C-alpha atoms as a PDB file:
ATOM      1  CA  MET A   1       0.000   0.000   0.000  1.00  0.00           C
ATOM      2  CA  CYS A   2       3.032   2.276   0.380  1.00  0.00           C
ATOM      3  CA  LYS A   3       4.370   1.927  -3.149  1.00  0.00           C
ATOM      4  CA  LYS A   4       3.283   5.425  -4.188  1.00  0.00           C
ATOM      5  CA  PHE A   5       5.347   7.328  -1.687  1.00  0.00           C
ATOM      6  CA  SER A   6       8.406   7.350   0.509  1.00  0.00           C
ATOM      7  CA  THR A   7       9.365   5.572   3.714  1.00  0.00           C
ATOM      8  CA  VAL A   8       8.489   8.727   5.598  1.00  0.00           C
ATOM      9  CA  CYS A   9       4.892   8.356   4.481  1.00  0.00           C
ATOM     10  CA  CYS A  10       4.769   4.626   5.190  1.00  0.00           C
ATOM     11  CA  ALA A  11       5.587   5.322   8.791  1.00  0.00           C
ATOM     12  CA  ALA A  12       2.236   7.052   9.157  1.00  0.00           C
ATOM     13  CA  PHE A  13       0.508   3.675   8.709  1.00  0.00           C
ATOM     14  CA  PHE A  14       2.852   1.497  10.721  1.00  0.00           C
ATOM     15  CA  PRO A  15       1.283   2.243  14.130  1.00  0.00           C
ATOM     16  CA  VAL A  16      -2.156   1.247  12.806  1.00  0.00           C
ATOM     17  CA  VAL A  17      -1.169  -2.331  12.001  1.00  0.00           C
ATOM     18  CA  LEU A  18       1.223  -2.945  14.874  1.00  0.00           C
ATOM     19  CA  ALA A  19      -0.298  -0.707  17.531  1.00  0.00           C
ATOM     20  CA  ALA A  20      -0.320  -3.491  20.104  1.00  0.00           C
ATOM     21  CA  GLN A  21       3.257  -4.652  19.635  1.00  0.00           C
ATOM     22  CA  PRO A  22       4.939  -4.124  23.008  1.00  0.00           C
ATOM     23  CA  VAL A  23       8.341  -2.842  21.926  1.00  0.00           C
ATOM     24  CA  GLN A  24       9.490  -1.039  18.805  1.00  0.00           C
ATOM     25  CA  THR A  25      13.101  -0.528  17.758  1.00  0.00           C
ATOM     26  CA  ALA A  26      14.854   1.939  15.489  1.00  0.00           C
ATOM     27  CA  VAL A  27      15.730  -0.822  13.036  1.00  0.00           C
ATOM     28  CA  SER A  28      13.528  -3.748  12.073  1.00  0.00           C
ATOM     29  CA  ALA A  29      13.559  -6.652   9.673  1.00  0.00           C
ATOM     30  CA  THR A  30      10.933  -4.854   7.577  1.00  0.00           C
ATOM     31  CA  ASP A  31      13.471  -2.126   6.744  1.00  0.00           C
ATOM     32  CA  PRO A  32      16.918  -3.448   7.647  1.00  0.00           C
ATOM     33  CA  TYR A  33      18.969  -1.032   5.590  1.00  0.00           C
ATOM     34  CA  GLY A  34      18.763   2.008   7.793  1.00  0.00           C
ATOM     35  CA  VAL A  35      17.739   3.551  11.063  1.00  0.00           C
ATOM     36  CA  ASP A  36      14.122   4.664  11.019  1.00  0.00           C
ATOM     37  CA  PHE A  37      14.299   8.421  10.396  1.00  0.00           C
ATOM     38  CA  SER A  38      10.555   9.092  10.372  1.00  0.00           C
ATOM     39  CA  LYS A  39      10.464   9.793  14.121  1.00  0.00           C
ATOM     40  CA  LEU A  40      12.622  12.770  15.007  1.00  0.00           C
ATOM     41  CA  SER A  41      13.522  14.034  18.453  1.00  0.00           C
ATOM     42  CA  GLY A  42      13.067  17.684  19.262  1.00  0.00           C
ATOM     43  CA  ARG A  43      10.875  19.946  17.168  1.00  0.00           C
ATOM     44  CA  PRO A  44      12.150  19.913  13.581  1.00  0.00           C
ATOM     45  CA  ALA A  45      10.916  22.586  11.194  1.00  0.00           C
ATOM     46  CA  LEU A  46      12.826  21.594   8.055  1.00  0.00           C
ATOM     47  CA  VAL A  47      14.853  18.483   7.226  1.00  0.00           C
ATOM     48  CA  THR A  48      16.807  18.427   3.971  1.00  0.00           C
ATOM     49  CA  GLU A  49      18.680  15.349   2.827  1.00  0.00           C
ATOM     50  CA  TYR A  50      21.625  15.317   0.446  1.00  0.00           C
ATOM     51  CA  ARG A  51      23.186  12.219  -1.118  1.00  0.00           C
ATOM     52  CA  GLY A  52      26.090  11.448  -3.391  1.00  0.00           C
ATOM     53  CA  ASP A  53      28.896   9.019  -4.150  1.00  0.00           C
ATOM     54  CA  GLU A  54      31.511  11.675  -3.390  1.00  0.00           C
ATOM     55  CA  LEU A  55      31.748  14.195  -0.553  1.00  0.00           C
ATOM     56  CA  ASP A  56      32.107  17.054  -3.025  1.00  0.00           C
ATOM     57  CA  ASP A  57      29.149  15.928  -5.098  1.00  0.00           C
ATOM     58  CA  LEU A  58      26.188  15.809  -2.708  1.00  0.00           C
ATOM     59  CA  VAL A  59      22.811  16.585  -4.306  1.00  0.00           C
ATOM     60  CA  LEU A  60      19.524  17.539  -2.650  1.00  0.00           C
ATOM     61  CA  ARG A  61      17.250  14.455  -2.659  1.00  0.00           C
ATOM     62  CA  SER A  62      14.448  15.365  -0.248  1.00  0.00           C
ATOM     63  CA  ALA A  63      13.042  18.179   1.877  1.00  0.00           C
ATOM     64  CA  SER A  64      10.585  17.559   4.719  1.00  0.00           C
ATOM     65  CA  ASN A  65       8.634  20.376   6.363  1.00  0.00           C
ATOM     66  CA  TYR A  66       7.166  20.219   9.876  1.00  0.00           C
ATOM     67  CA  ASP A  67       4.740  22.360  11.842  1.00  0.00           C
ATOM     68  CA  LYS A  68       4.876  21.991  15.634  1.00  0.00           C
ATOM     69  CA  GLY A  69       6.285  18.499  15.299  1.00  0.00           C
ATOM     70  CA  LEU A  70       3.881  17.298  12.600  1.00  0.00           C
ATOM     71  CA  LEU A  71       5.146  16.393   9.136  1.00  0.00           C
ATOM     72  CA  THR A  72       3.303  18.630   6.648  1.00  0.00           C
ATOM     73  CA  SER A  73       5.040  18.060   3.315  1.00  0.00           C
ATOM     74  CA  VAL A  74       7.840  16.136   1.598  1.00  0.00           C
ATOM     75  CA  GLN A  75       9.490  17.037  -1.680  1.00  0.00           C
ATOM     76  CA  LEU A  76      11.504  14.350  -3.486  1.00  0.00           C
ATOM     77  CA  TYR A  77      14.235  15.165  -6.010  1.00  0.00           C
ATOM     78  CA  ASP A  78      15.991  13.079  -8.649  1.00  0.00           C
ATOM     79  CA  GLU A  79      19.724  12.359  -8.827  1.00  0.00           C
ATOM     80  CA  ASN A  80      20.253  15.741 -10.474  1.00  0.00           C
ATOM     81  CA  GLY A  81      18.397  17.684  -7.792  1.00  0.00           C
ATOM     82  CA  ARG A  82      15.265  18.268  -9.882  1.00  0.00           C
ATOM     83  CA  LEU A  83      11.873  18.041  -8.208  1.00  0.00           C
ATOM     84  CA  LYS A  84      10.177  14.677  -8.857  1.00  0.00           C
ATOM     85  CA  SER A  85       7.120  14.774  -6.645  1.00  0.00           C
ATOM     86  CA  SER A  86       5.543  16.388  -3.599  1.00  0.00           C
ATOM     87  CA  THR A  87       3.506  14.913  -0.768  1.00  0.00           C
ATOM     88  CA  ARG A  88       1.271  16.896   1.564  1.00  0.00           C
ATOM     89  CA  TYR A  89      -0.107  15.778   4.939  1.00  0.00           C
ATOM     90  CA  ASN A  90      -3.284  17.113   6.553  1.00  0.00           C
ATOM     91  CA  TYR A  91      -4.406  16.733  10.173  1.00  0.00           C
ATOM     92  CA  SER A  92      -7.500  17.179  12.292  1.00  0.00           C
ATOM     93  CA  GLU A  93      -7.724  19.683  15.139  1.00  0.00           C
ATOM     94  CA  ASN A  94      -6.579  16.976  17.554  1.00  0.00           C
ATOM     95  CA  LYS A  95      -3.532  16.199  15.355  1.00  0.00           C
ATOM     96  CA  LEU A  96      -4.786  12.998  13.733  1.00  0.00           C
ATOM     97  CA  LEU A  97      -3.618  12.395  10.168  1.00  0.00           C
ATOM     98  CA  THR A  98      -6.634  12.882   7.899  1.00  0.00           C
ATOM     99  CA  GLY A  99      -5.176  12.976   4.410  1.00  0.00           C
ATOM    100  CA  ILE A 100      -2.069  12.556   2.270  1.00  0.00           C
ATOM    101  CA  THR A 101      -1.887  13.890  -1.283  1.00  0.00           C
ATOM    102  CA  GLY A 102       0.834  13.274  -3.865  1.00  0.00           C
ATOM    103  CA  THR A 103       1.502  15.554  -6.829  1.00  0.00           C
ATOM    104  CA  ASP A 104       3.935  15.471  -9.744  1.00  0.00           C
ATOM    105  CA  THR A 105       6.485  18.098 -10.756  1.00  0.00           C
ATOM    106  CA  ASN A 106       3.731  20.319 -12.153  1.00  0.00           C
ATOM    107  CA  GLY A 107       1.607  20.144  -9.022  1.00  0.00           C
ATOM    108  CA  ILE A 108      -0.972  17.864 -10.640  1.00  0.00           C
ATOM    109  CA  PRO A 109      -2.539  15.399  -8.155  1.00  0.00           C
ATOM    110  CA  ARG A 110      -1.523  11.776  -8.760  1.00  0.00           C
ATOM    111  CA  TRP A 111      -2.894   9.984  -5.687  1.00  0.00           C
ATOM    112  CA  LYS A 112      -4.580  10.631  -2.361  1.00  0.00           C
ATOM    113  CA  TYR A 113      -5.240   8.820   0.924  1.00  0.00           C
ATOM    114  CA  ILE A 114      -8.044   9.768   3.320  1.00  0.00           C
ATOM    115  CA  TYR A 115      -8.325   8.589   6.953  1.00  0.00           C
ATOM    116  CA  THR A 116     -11.234   8.598   9.363  1.00  0.00           C
ATOM    117  CA  TYR A 117     -11.256   7.761  13.086  1.00  0.00           C
ATOM    118  CA  ASP A 118     -13.620   6.642  15.800  1.00  0.00           C
ATOM    119  CA  THR A 119     -14.365   8.672  18.916  1.00  0.00           C
ATOM    120  CA  SER A 120     -11.341   7.151  20.660  1.00  0.00           C
ATOM    121  CA  GLY A 121      -8.975   8.378  17.950  1.00  0.00           C
ATOM    122  CA  ARG A 122      -8.413   4.926  16.429  1.00  0.00           C
ATOM    123  CA  GLN A 123      -8.145   4.743  12.654  1.00  0.00           C
ATOM    124  CA  LYS A 124     -11.467   3.448  11.316  1.00  0.00           C
ATOM    125  CA  GLU A 125     -11.036   3.702   7.571  1.00  0.00           C
ATOM    126  CA  GLU A 126      -8.271   4.306   5.036  1.00  0.00           C
ATOM    127  CA  SER A 127      -9.255   5.116   1.452  1.00  0.00           C
ATOM    128  CA  SER A 128      -7.034   5.348  -1.630  1.00  0.00           C
ATOM    129  CA  PHE A 129      -7.908   7.613  -4.550  1.00  0.00           C
ATOM    130  CA  SER A 130      -6.367   8.176  -7.971  1.00  0.00           C
ATOM    131  CA  GLY A 131      -5.225  11.541  -9.293  1.00  0.00           C
ATOM    132  CA  THR A 132      -8.716  12.087 -10.705  1.00  0.00           C
ATOM    133  CA  ASP A 133     -10.229  11.541  -7.241  1.00  0.00           C
ATOM    134  CA  THR A 134     -11.595   8.101  -8.136  1.00  0.00           C
ATOM    135  CA  LEU A 135     -11.770   5.569  -5.306  1.00  0.00           C
ATOM    136  CA  GLU A 136      -9.303   2.696  -5.829  1.00  0.00           C
ATOM    137  CA  TRP A 137      -9.726   0.774  -2.579  1.00  0.00           C
ATOM    138  CA  LYS A 138     -10.542   1.234   1.082  1.00  0.00           C
ATOM    139  CA  ALA A 139      -9.592  -0.615   4.260  1.00  0.00           C
ATOM    140  CA  VAL A 140     -11.838  -0.750   7.334  1.00  0.00           C
ATOM    141  CA  SER A 141     -10.364  -1.511  10.764  1.00  0.00           C
ATOM    142  CA  SER A 142     -12.207  -3.032  13.744  1.00  0.00           C
ATOM    143  CA  TYR A 143     -11.232  -3.159  17.408  1.00  0.00           C
ATOM    144  CA  ASN A 144     -12.180  -5.213  20.433  1.00  0.00           C
ATOM    145  CA  PRO A 145     -13.609  -3.637  23.633  1.00  0.00           C
ATOM    146  CA  GLY A 146     -10.047  -3.284  24.963  1.00  0.00           C
ATOM    147  CA  GLY A 147      -9.076  -1.097  22.007  1.00  0.00           C
ATOM    148  CA  GLN A 148      -6.910  -3.696  20.258  1.00  0.00           C
ATOM    149  CA  LEU A 149      -6.964  -3.906  16.474  1.00  0.00           C
ATOM    150  CA  THR A 150      -8.672  -7.188  15.540  1.00  0.00           C
ATOM    151  CA  SER A 151      -9.292  -6.952  11.792  1.00  0.00           C
ATOM    152  CA  ARG A 152      -8.569  -4.911   8.711  1.00  0.00           C
ATOM    153  CA  ILE A 153     -10.745  -5.642   5.663  1.00  0.00           C
ATOM    154  CA  THR A 154      -9.820  -4.241   2.252  1.00  0.00           C
ATOM    155  CA  TYR A 155     -12.472  -3.519  -0.391  1.00  0.00           C
ATOM    156  CA  ASP A 156     -12.099  -2.621  -4.057  1.00  0.00           C
ATOM    157  CA  ASN A 157     -13.809   0.334  -5.732  1.00  0.00           C
ATOM    158  CA  LYS A 158     -16.974  -1.744  -6.138  1.00  0.00           C
ATOM    159  CA  ASN A 159     -17.122  -2.522  -2.424  1.00  0.00           C
ATOM    160  CA  ALA A 160     -16.109  -6.158  -2.911  1.00  0.00           C
ATOM    161  CA  VAL A 161     -13.770  -7.670  -0.314  1.00  0.00           C
ATOM    162  CA  THR A 162     -10.254  -8.290  -1.637  1.00  0.00           C
ATOM    163  CA  LEU A 163      -8.322  -9.064   1.568  1.00  0.00           C
ATOM    164  CA  ARG A 164      -9.075  -9.865   5.199  1.00  0.00           C
ATOM    165  CA  GLU A 165      -6.389  -9.285   7.803  1.00  0.00           C
ATOM    166  CA  SER A 166      -6.956 -10.497  11.363  1.00  0.00           C
ATOM    167  CA  PHE A 167      -4.918 -10.087  14.549  1.00  0.00           C
ATOM    168  CA  LYS A 168      -4.807 -12.487  17.487  1.00  0.00           C
ATOM    169  CA  TYR A 169      -3.470 -11.694  20.969  1.00  0.00           C
ATOM    170  CA  ASN A 170      -1.837 -13.780  23.686  1.00  0.00           C
ATOM    171  CA  ASP A 171      -2.470 -13.636  27.437  1.00  0.00           C
ATOM    172  CA  ARG A 172       0.022 -10.737  27.684  1.00  0.00           C
ATOM    173  CA  ASN A 173      -2.095  -8.753  25.202  1.00  0.00           C
ATOM    174  CA  PHE A 174       0.678  -8.920  22.587  1.00  0.00           C
ATOM    175  CA  ILE A 175      -0.096  -9.744  18.968  1.00  0.00           C
ATOM    176  CA  TYR A 176       0.869 -13.364  18.360  1.00  0.00           C
ATOM    177  CA  ALA A 177      -0.722 -13.835  14.913  1.00  0.00           C
ATOM    178  CA  ASP A 178      -1.180 -11.528  11.922  1.00  0.00           C
ATOM    179  CA  ILE A 179      -3.102 -13.376   9.205  1.00  0.00           C
ATOM    180  CA  THR A 180      -4.011 -12.045   5.747  1.00  0.00           C
ATOM    181  CA  GLN A 181      -6.455 -14.039   3.638  1.00  0.00           C
ATOM    182  CA  PHE A 182      -8.185 -13.756   0.287  1.00  0.00           C
ATOM    183  CA  PRO A 183     -12.012 -13.682   0.265  1.00  0.00           C
ATOM    184  CA  ASP A 184     -12.136 -17.450  -0.297  1.00  0.00           C
ATOM    185  CA  GLY A 185     -10.136 -18.047   2.879  1.00  0.00           C
ATOM    186  CA  LYS A 186      -6.840 -18.888   1.168  1.00  0.00           C
ATOM    187  CA  VAL A 187      -3.902 -17.531   3.153  1.00  0.00           C
ATOM    188  CA  LEU A 188      -1.812 -14.830   1.505  1.00  0.00           C
ATOM    189  CA  LYS A 189       0.527 -14.487   4.479  1.00  0.00           C
ATOM    190  CA  ARG A 190       0.648 -15.376   8.137  1.00  0.00           C
ATOM    191  CA  ILE A 191       3.081 -14.104  10.758  1.00  0.00           C
ATOM    192  CA  ILE A 192       3.350 -15.778  14.156  1.00  0.00           C
ATOM    193  CA  TYR A 193       5.177 -13.854  16.906  1.00  0.00           C
ATOM    194  CA  THR A 194       6.897 -15.139  20.022  1.00  0.00           C
ATOM    195  CA  TYR A 195       8.321 -12.854  22.698  1.00  0.00           C
ATOM    196  CA  THR A 196      11.091 -12.591  25.242  1.00  0.00           C
ATOM    197  CA  ALA A 197      10.284 -12.341  28.941  1.00  0.00           C
ATOM    198  CA  GLY A 198      10.889  -8.581  28.642  1.00  0.00           C
ATOM    199  CA  GLY A 199       8.230  -8.165  25.939  1.00  0.00           C
ATOM    200  CA  HIS A 200      10.481  -7.913  22.882  1.00  0.00           C
ATOM    201  CA  VAL A 201       9.766  -9.851  19.702  1.00  0.00           C
ATOM    202  CA  ALA A 202      12.017 -12.948  19.795  1.00  0.00           C
ATOM    203  CA  PHE A 203      10.881 -14.665  16.585  1.00  0.00           C
ATOM    204  CA  GLU A 204       8.633 -14.060  13.612  1.00  0.00           C
ATOM    205  CA  ASP A 205       7.560 -17.181  11.719  1.00  0.00           C
ATOM    206  CA  HIS A 206       6.411 -16.319   8.198  1.00  0.00           C
ATOM    207  CA  TYR A 207       3.960 -18.452   6.212  1.00  0.00           C
ATOM    208  CA  ASP A 208       2.331 -18.193   2.788  1.00  0.00           C
ATOM    209  CA  SER A 209      -0.219 -20.409   1.034  1.00  0.00           C
ATOM    210  CA  SER A 210       2.385 -23.187   0.791  1.00  0.00           C
ATOM    211  CA  GLY A 211       3.260 -23.085   4.480  1.00  0.00           C
ATOM    212  CA  PHE A 212       6.266 -21.961   6.484  1.00  0.00           C
ATOM    213  CA  TYR A 213       9.001 -20.290   4.420  1.00  0.00           C
ATOM    214  CA  GLU A 214      11.218 -18.223   6.758  1.00  0.00           C
ATOM    215  CA  GLN A 215      11.882 -17.133  10.327  1.00  0.00           C
ATOM    216  CA  VAL A 216      13.239 -13.847  11.637  1.00  0.00           C
ATOM    217  CA  GLY A 217      15.041 -14.043  14.986  1.00  0.00           C
ATOM    218  CA  TYR A 218      15.989 -11.066  17.169  1.00  0.00           C
ATOM    219  CA  SER A 219      18.679 -10.624  19.839  1.00  0.00           C
ATOM    220  CA  TYR A 220      18.836  -7.928  22.527  1.00  0.00           C
ATOM    221  CA  THR A 221      21.063  -6.608  25.278  1.00  0.00           C
ATOM    222  CA  ASP A 222      19.985  -6.974  28.907  1.00  0.00           C
ATOM    223  CA  ASN A 223      18.526  -3.457  28.823  1.00  0.00           C
ATOM    224  CA  GLY A 224      16.478  -4.138  25.690  1.00  0.00           C
ATOM    225  CA  ASN A 225      18.588  -2.707  22.862  1.00  0.00           C
ATOM    226  CA  LEU A 226      18.272  -4.688  19.652  1.00  0.00           C
ATOM    227  CA  THR A 227      21.717  -6.072  18.732  1.00  0.00           C
ATOM    228  CA  SER A 228      20.992  -8.303  15.745  1.00  0.00           C
ATOM    229  CA  PHE A 229      18.335 -10.025  13.679  1.00  0.00           C
ATOM    230  CA  SER A 230      18.604 -12.863  11.188  1.00  0.00           C
ATOM    231  CA  TYR A 231      16.559 -14.423   8.396  1.00  0.00           C
ATOM    232  CA  VAL A 232      16.527 -18.231   8.192  1.00  0.00           C
ATOM    233  CA  ASP A 233      14.753 -20.080   5.369  1.00  0.00           C
ATOM    234  CA  LYS A 234      12.476 -23.086   5.774  1.00  0.00           C
ATOM    235  CA  LYS A 235      15.447 -25.451   5.590  1.00  0.00           C
ATOM    236  CA  GLY A 236      17.249 -23.655   8.393  1.00  0.00           C
ATOM    237  CA  LYS A 237      19.758 -21.958   6.099  1.00  0.00           C
ATOM    238  CA  LEU A 238      20.845 -18.480   7.185  1.00  0.00           C
ATOM    239  CA  LYS A 239      19.825 -15.946   4.515  1.00  0.00           C
ATOM    240  CA  SER A 240      20.990 -12.687   6.093  1.00  0.00           C
ATOM    241  CA  ARG A 241      22.068 -11.232   9.408  1.00  0.00           C
ATOM    242  CA  THR A 242      22.118  -7.629  10.589  1.00  0.00           C
ATOM    243  CA  VAL A 243      24.369  -6.607  13.499  1.00  0.00           C
ATOM    244  CA  LEU A 244      24.025  -3.286  15.352  1.00  0.00           C
ATOM    245  CA  GLN A 245      26.607  -1.465  17.432  1.00  0.00           C
ATOM    246  CA  TYR A 246      25.762   1.338  19.875  1.00  0.00           C
ATOM    247  CA  GLY A 247      27.896   4.298  20.908  1.00  0.00           C
ATOM    248  CA  ARG A 248      28.277   5.955  24.314  1.00  0.00           C
ATOM    249  CA  SER A 249      25.186   8.032  23.628  1.00  0.00           C
ATOM    250  CA  GLY A 250      23.116   4.867  23.364  1.00  0.00           C
ATOM    251  CA  MET A 251      22.395   5.498  19.680  1.00  0.00           C
ATOM    252  CA  ILE A 252      23.139   3.085  16.839  1.00  0.00           C
ATOM    253  CA  GLU A 253      26.497   4.095  15.361  1.00  0.00           C
ATOM    254  CA  ASN A 254      27.181   1.142  13.088  1.00  0.00           C
ATOM    255  CA  GLU A 255      25.067  -1.390  11.237  1.00  0.00           C
ATOM    256  CA  LYS A 256      26.503  -4.356   9.324  1.00  0.00           C
ATOM    257  CA  ILE A 257      24.424  -6.555   7.043  1.00  0.00           C
ATOM    258  CA  TYR A 258      25.729  -9.975   6.041  1.00  0.00           C
ATOM    259  CA  GLU A 259      24.288 -12.072   3.248  1.00  0.00           C
ATOM    260  CA  GLU A 260      24.139 -15.782   4.089  1.00  0.00           C
ATOM    261  CA  GLY A 261      25.773 -14.839   7.385  1.00  0.00           C
ATOM    262  CA  ARG A 262      29.232 -14.347   5.876  1.00  0.00           C
ATOM    263  CA  ASN A 263      29.373 -11.899   2.988  1.00  0.00           C
ATOM    264  CA  LEU A 264      29.279  -8.275   4.135  1.00  0.00           C
ATOM    265  CA  SER A 265      26.777  -6.472   1.886  1.00  0.00           C
ATOM    266  CA  ALA A 266      26.423  -3.199   3.815  1.00  0.00           C
ATOM    267  CA  ASP A 267      28.446  -1.412   6.486  1.00  0.00           C
ATOM    268  CA  ILE A 268      26.580   1.710   7.585  1.00  0.00           C
ATOM    269  CA  THR A 269      27.969   4.364   9.930  1.00  0.00           C
ATOM    270  CA  TYR A 270      25.845   7.070  11.599  1.00  0.00           C
ATOM    271  CA  VAL A 271      26.678  10.415  13.247  1.00  0.00           C
ATOM    272  CA  TYR A 272      24.094  12.236  15.398  1.00  0.00           C
ATOM    273  CA  ASP A 273      23.389  15.788  16.473  1.00  0.00           C
ATOM    274  CA  SER A 274      22.806  16.940  20.064  1.00  0.00           C
ATOM    275  CA  ARG A 275      19.069  16.173  19.769  1.00  0.00           C
ATOM    276  CA  GLY A 276      19.718  12.490  19.025  1.00  0.00           C
ATOM    277  CA  ASN A 277      18.844  12.632  15.311  1.00  0.00           C
ATOM    278  CA  TRP A 278      21.297  11.275  12.776  1.00  0.00           C
ATOM    279  CA  ILE A 279      22.766  13.878  10.454  1.00  0.00           C
ATOM    280  CA  TRP A 280      25.426  11.863   8.659  1.00  0.00           C
ATOM    281  CA  LYS A 281      25.353   8.361   7.167  1.00  0.00           C
ATOM    282  CA  TYR A 282      27.803   6.437   5.033  1.00  0.00           C
ATOM    283  CA  ASP A 283      27.173   2.902   3.757  1.00  0.00           C
ATOM    284  CA  GLY A 284      30.473   2.340   1.994  1.00  0.00           C
ATOM    285  CA  GLN A 285      29.190   3.681  -1.318  1.00  0.00           C
ATOM    286  CA  THR A 286      26.840   6.592  -0.712  1.00  0.00           C
ATOM    287  CA  TYR A 287      27.215   9.590   1.594  1.00  0.00           C
ATOM    288  CA  THR A 288      24.018  11.003   3.101  1.00  0.00           C
ATOM    289  CA  LEU A 289      23.898  14.354   4.871  1.00  0.00           C
ATOM    290  CA  ARG A 290      20.813  15.614   6.708  1.00  0.00           C
ATOM    291  CA  LYS A 291      20.475  19.258   7.655  1.00  0.00           C
ATOM    292  CA  ILE A 292      17.901  19.742  10.401  1.00  0.00           C
ATOM    293  CA  ILE A 293      16.486  23.143  11.329  1.00  0.00           C
ATOM    294  CA  TYR A 294      14.566  23.086  14.600  1.00  0.00           C
ATOM    295  CA  GLY A 295      11.588  25.245  15.442  1.00  0.00           C
ATOM    296  CA  GLU A 296      10.138  26.524  18.692  1.00  0.00           C
END
């Protein structure tokens, strides 16, 4: 559902699906190639990101604007620094995200998402529209009396069900099963979670219509910092492993990704500002500089 826009935008949906997960980390198996930069400390007003293969050849690639801590717009640029697209975010009076609109270089709308909420501020419906304001699909979420997300049903533009996603909880009120099925009941995907005694995700077992196909395992320090996670296929063969190293500040300063557990495919180094937000990243090939201007 996030294919039309950037990782920054995808983060707006993440809490809806995994709202009941007990512990979240800066890096996850869903996006292993970088620290999550969608949640910034302090009160940013403008975040500009520059990238390039050489230090003397950094080019503007994105600009994110904030108002009192809320992301209001993102502009994406191509490898030559030319504007590719813009995304705007709208909120309700109580700061709930109500709409996201994407436009091309000429400001012509290309897509739109609309969100509605119940009286408790839980997302009730997400609707996707084309650039001509035509409904493409909508997803309706339901909750149990305790406020936990129990289902998310997706409909096409003719109001026919296309997917059913259901969430099951254990006796600790943690999600232990996330199941997505087609209307006929056939499983598209199924994720089973197990947890550590401290409430961190220990394993994710992934299934499709053919059955189990991979497991993601997580390791932590005694105080709960994620130190590594690994993908293992259905035959027990290690597919990839990500190892994290923390600095004195407690922030992730280095991230190494190994393919098949041996071949180093990425070695990422981070530098942070005094607010705890990374401002410099190097992965061995590309330099990324973030300039952050803070507001009141």
